[in-house]
Amino acid sequence: MKQEVIKELSTADIVDRLEEEKKHLIRLRINHAVSPLDNPHQISENKKTIARLVTELRRREIEESNNKES
């Protein structure tokens, strides 16, 4: 998922998507442990997507706290 797409999502959508991506990562890791994946690069891509989602949530938290202080 691209950063531009993530920025367009609402905060609630990002939280939901984050939960889904974490569950998907767990499934990928389990499947890879049982039998190798056809494309193990999926695991790193999924981790990067999770990191992008967390980063966007944190950016919004900081932005919100700065607006409250002003």
C-alpha atoms as a PDB file:
ATOM      1  CA  MET A   1       0.000   0.000   0.000  1.00  0.00           C
ATOM      2  CA  LYS A   2       1.418   3.345  -1.021  1.00  0.00           C
ATOM      3  CA  GLN A   3       1.822   6.258   1.367  1.00  0.00           C
ATOM      4  CA  GLU A   4      -0.443   8.449  -0.778  1.00  0.00           C
ATOM      5  CA  VAL A   5      -3.274   5.932  -0.379  1.00  0.00           C
ATOM      6  CA  ILE A   6      -2.724   5.711   3.371  1.00  0.00           C
ATOM      7  CA  LYS A   7      -2.909   9.501   3.772  1.00  0.00           C
ATOM      8  CA  GLU A   8      -6.367   9.507   2.174  1.00  0.00           C
ATOM      9  CA  LEU A   9      -7.766   6.998   4.678  1.00  0.00           C
ATOM     10  CA  SER A  10      -9.547   8.068   7.842  1.00  0.00           C
ATOM     11  CA  THR A  11      -7.943   7.290  11.194  1.00  0.00           C
ATOM     12  CA  ALA A  12     -10.508   4.567  11.912  1.00  0.00           C
ATOM     13  CA  ASP A  13      -9.821   2.979   8.536  1.00  0.00           C
ATOM     14  CA  ILE A  14      -6.084   3.017   9.223  1.00  0.00           C
ATOM     15  CA  VAL A  15      -6.587   1.294  12.584  1.00  0.00           C
ATOM     16  CA  ASP A  16      -8.780  -1.377  10.959  1.00  0.00           C
ATOM     17  CA  ARG A  17      -6.325  -1.877   8.122  1.00  0.00           C
ATOM     18  CA  LEU A  18      -3.439  -2.118  10.613  1.00  0.00           C
ATOM     19  CA  GLU A  19      -5.179  -4.948  12.478  1.00  0.00           C
ATOM     20  CA  GLU A  20      -5.843  -6.778   9.195  1.00  0.00           C
ATOM     21  CA  GLU A  21      -2.238  -6.387   8.052  1.00  0.00           C
ATOM     22  CA  LYS A  22      -0.876  -7.700  11.376  1.00  0.00           C
ATOM     23  CA  LYS A  23      -3.126 -10.771  11.133  1.00  0.00           C
ATOM     24  CA  HIS A  24      -2.028 -11.280   7.535  1.00  0.00           C
ATOM     25  CA  LEU A  25       1.641 -11.073   8.558  1.00  0.00           C
ATOM     26  CA  ILE A  26       1.113 -13.728  11.226  1.00  0.00           C
ATOM     27  CA  ARG A  27      -0.560 -16.001   8.654  1.00  0.00           C
ATOM     28  CA  LEU A  28       2.293 -15.440   6.194  1.00  0.00           C
ATOM     29  CA  ARG A  29       4.918 -16.276   8.812  1.00  0.00           C
ATOM     30  CA  ILE A  30       3.116 -19.453   9.892  1.00  0.00           C
ATOM     31  CA  ASN A  31       2.623 -20.573   6.303  1.00  0.00           C
ATOM     32  CA  HIS A  32       6.269 -19.854   5.535  1.00  0.00           C
ATOM     33  CA  ALA A  33       7.395 -21.880   8.564  1.00  0.00           C
ATOM     34  CA  VAL A  34       5.298 -24.864   7.485  1.00  0.00           C
ATOM     35  CA  SER A  35       6.195 -24.756   3.806  1.00  0.00           C
ATOM     36  CA  PRO A  36       8.202 -22.083   1.973  1.00  0.00           C
ATOM     37  CA  LEU A  37       6.171 -19.375   0.291  1.00  0.00           C
ATOM     38  CA  ASP A  38       6.364 -18.944  -3.464  1.00  0.00           C
ATOM     39  CA  ASN A  39       7.253 -15.305  -2.877  1.00  0.00           C
ATOM     40  CA  PRO A  40       8.867 -14.769   0.560  1.00  0.00           C
ATOM     41  CA  HIS A  41       9.248 -11.086  -0.325  1.00  0.00           C
ATOM     42  CA  GLN A  42       5.560 -10.764   0.653  1.00  0.00           C
ATOM     43  CA  ILE A  43       6.598 -10.871   4.320  1.00  0.00           C
ATOM     44  CA  SER A  44       8.892  -7.847   4.033  1.00  0.00           C
ATOM     45  CA  GLU A  45       6.343  -5.947   1.943  1.00  0.00           C
ATOM     46  CA  ASN A  46       3.703  -6.621   4.580  1.00  0.00           C
ATOM     47  CA  LYS A  47       6.035  -5.386   7.326  1.00  0.00           C
ATOM     48  CA  LYS A  48       6.673  -2.192   5.356  1.00  0.00           C
ATOM     49  CA  THR A  49       2.931  -1.622   4.952  1.00  0.00           C
ATOM     50  CA  ILE A  50       2.458  -2.046   8.702  1.00  0.00           C
ATOM     51  CA  ALA A  51       5.254   0.442   9.343  1.00  0.00           C
ATOM     52  CA  ARG A  52       3.654   2.967   6.959  1.00  0.00           C
ATOM     53  CA  LEU A  53       0.309   2.633   8.733  1.00  0.00           C
ATOM     54  CA  VAL A  54       1.881   3.057  12.180  1.00  0.00           C
ATOM     55  CA  THR A  55       3.864   6.049  10.958  1.00  0.00           C
ATOM     56  CA  GLU A  56       0.743   7.749   9.604  1.00  0.00           C
ATOM     57  CA  LEU A  57      -1.124   7.139  12.876  1.00  0.00           C
ATOM     58  CA  ARG A  58       1.753   8.605  14.855  1.00  0.00           C
ATOM     59  CA  ARG A  59       1.966  11.613  12.525  1.00  0.00           C
ATOM     60  CA  ARG A  60      -1.727  12.283  13.068  1.00  0.00           C
ATOM     61  CA  GLU A  61      -1.335  11.955  16.855  1.00  0.00           C
ATOM     62  CA  ILE A  62       1.488  14.492  16.871  1.00  0.00           C
ATOM     63  CA  GLU A  63      -0.427  16.831  14.581  1.00  0.00           C
ATOM     64  CA  GLU A  64      -3.491  16.588  16.818  1.00  0.00           C
ATOM     65  CA  SER A  65      -1.533  17.263  19.997  1.00  0.00           C
ATOM     66  CA  ASN A  66       0.148  20.276  18.379  1.00  0.00           C
ATOM     67  CA  ASN A  67      -3.263  21.663  17.374  1.00  0.00           C
ATOM     68  CA  LYS A  68      -4.588  21.244  20.930  1.00  0.00           C
ATOM     69  CA  GLU A  69      -1.637  23.132  22.398  1.00  0.00           C
ATOM     70  CA  SER A  70      -2.064  26.057  20.034  1.00  0.00           C
END
